Each structure stands twice: as C-alpha cells, then as structure tokens.
Amino acid sequence: MGCTCSGTYRMEPFDFQVVAQEGRARAGRLRTPHGTLETPVFAPVGTQGSVKALTPAQLEELGATLILANTYHLFLRPGDEMVAQLGGLHAFMQWPKPILTDSGGFQVFSLSAIREVDEEGISFRSHIDGSSHRLTPEIAISVQENLGGDIIMALDECPPPYDRPHNELALARTHAWAERCLRAHRRGDQVLFGIVQGGVFPDLREQSARFLTSLGFPGYGIGGLSVGESKQETYAMLDLVNPLLPEEKPRYLMGVGTARDLIEGVVRGIDIFDCVLPTRLARHHSALTHAGRLNLVGSAYARDARPIELGCGCYTCQHFSRGYLRHLIQAREMLAATLLSIHNLFLLIELTREMRAAIREGRFERMVADWGRATGPGIESRAMA
C-alpha cells in the first residue's frame, strides 16, 4: 500500500504536518520552540525532572527527542514557582529538546489516598508528607506554564475503566475542566492538548472525542487506557476514537510502552507515546527484547556471554554480556539500572524510528506482518484497512 500525504495544522510557534500515511499509520513532524519532533515518537518519562538512572547526554545519545515530566510531582517538590525561578524545566533539567508535561490529574487519583473531587477541582493530601493541596483546571495550567513544557495537558479525571456511573460523572467534569483550561491558558510558546476519557464504554469515548474536537484543541491525548482493562479493549477504544479525531492534529496515547503497544497504536494512527515501563523494568532487573522480557536475575545468565539481544545497536549490547549485567544486579551496583535503561529505551526509540521510515517508504504493513511472525499473534493487520 503506497504512501499518501495529508494536511498541515498551524499553531504558532507550533506546526504539525503529516508527511506520509499508510492505512491509518502516519509519519509526521511537530515543530516546537525547542526543536522538531519526528512522529511517531516515544517519550521517556522524567517523573521528577529526571529520567531515572540516565543523564540528559545519555538520553540524547539514545536518540530521545521528547521527555515527559510530571506536573503532580514537581508541583509538590520542589514547587513549580521554584522551577520557574531557575529558568523553567529546560534549564532546570538541562534538556534542550521538547518537553511534555501531564496535568497531574492521573497521579492525584493513583497516588493520593485522601482526596475529594468536586465540580471545581480536586482537594488532596500529598503522598510525600500528608500536606493538603488543591488542583483545579486553572491551577494545573498555571503550574504547567511555570514549568515551561512545550506540550501541556488539560486537567482530567481518570476513573476506573469499568465503573459506568463514575465514568459518566468524570466525563462531564473532564469536559467542563477542558473548557476552563482553554480559557486559562496564556503562554503562546506552549500548546495545550485535551484528553479523551470514557473508560471502556464506546458511547462515552465517542461523546468525549466529539466534544473535545468541537473545542478546537491543537492536539489530543487519549487517557484512561492501560489502567486495568485488557489489551483488546484498549485497541478497540483506539479503533473507535482515532477516526473521530482530526486527521491534521497530533494524537497522544498516554502511558503505554511495550513494543507491541507502540506498533498497535501506530497501526491505528497514534503519533506520541510515553511510559515509565522501560526504566521501571530496568530497576527491577528486566530487559525488553523483541521476543519479550528477560529477567537477568536468574542463575542461568551467570556465564552467558551473549548481549541482551543479538543485533541490538545500543551501547549496552555493544559492550556488555548478560553475565556481566547479572553480576551487577547481584552486587547491587547502580550501573545495572543504567545499562538496562539504556537498552530498554533504545529498543522503543529505535522501533519508532523504524516505523517512521517504513511509513514514509510505503512498507509499514509489511513491517507489521514481519513483526507478527517473529513475535506471535496479536498485531491486527485488519486495522491497516
């Protein structure tokens, strides 16, 4: 199936262009004040202004072009006003490329044991010291403006995926908060995305996509997935939602990060991904491979001279054996987390690069089929239609 081209949506100083498309999969360019993102793109997660175990220089060497920083955590510590005084996140982190900040809404619901939600916002206690805080759409935007990310997110409510009454109530709040976020947003050097919610309920997802599209956001996140529902339910929601979102605007699938998730998302038209999984697995002694996860704690790897994955071009696989990595794990050396994080992130960043090239060259469907044959069932080529 050959490549076709789509249009451009201008959002000064931002610009998104779909440069090639095969089926629903698309390769694009998103221009930001801190550089142009080639999409599809995977963003390593720097929760507290740091991608765990790696320096910014190492991330650049890996080919990372976008990092996610977490509003909730930075709001609590060290505080968004302090970050602003120190030059914003780019100067604070010493990361020269684009940054995406989430709104903090998901973390309020997942980390704070004590919280109260009303129509105006969320009152909660810090998971760090129990102190009381308030997050409203206006505060979420103000915090993100202080942090200074290139892409920022509207405040949303992320309920349990199977609770219909809660999802109905949360959707009404998410939509009202989205309108307030648009009114509160002032910085012209940031772009604000709305977030589609609705759990696993098709009618709610459709309602959310149509409502948020009517507000004219320059980009859209798809939230509330990968939070307990099955993979097939996730993919079904993407099959429903993506065709309802504007073709000329970027789409961001929030919080998914296996190789299969990235491929399944791109097949369905997703442009941006993020996830803590690659670095979290590294800290728990596991490596991502094309065939699945590899837990290097096992004694079987003690004398294994092979790299994590034959043919991998990452620094770790080019220099170190499984046996050495297991030794570092057994000795509780910090270098283990660094080397495993390098490999895990490289695999996903390289995968998005390969998908971009395949889409531009009109061979993405073949790439998906080859991947499916190599890794087993699950890649649904029907979504290419």
Foldseek 3Di string as FASTA:
>chain_A
DAWDFDAKDDQVVWIKGFGTFFQQFTWIWIQAPLGIDTWLFEAEEPAQLHRPLDALVLCVVLVHQEYEYELQNVCVPPHLQVCLVCPASCNVRVHRHAYEYELNQVCQVVQFPDWDQDLFFIWTADSPPRDIDTDGQLVSQVSCVSNPGQEYETHFHQDQQPDQVVLVVRLVSLLVSVVVNVVNHDDSNHFYAREQYRRLDLVSSLVRLQSRVVVPGQEYEYDNPPPPDDPVSVLVSLLRRLVSHDPNHAYEYEADDALLVVLSNSLSNHIYYYHNVQLVVQVQQWAQDLQGIDRLLDPVQLPFQAFPDPPDPWPRRVPGGSNVLNVCVVVVPSVSSNSRSRRRVSVRRVSRVVCSVCRNRVNNLVVLVVSCVVHHDDRDSVSSD
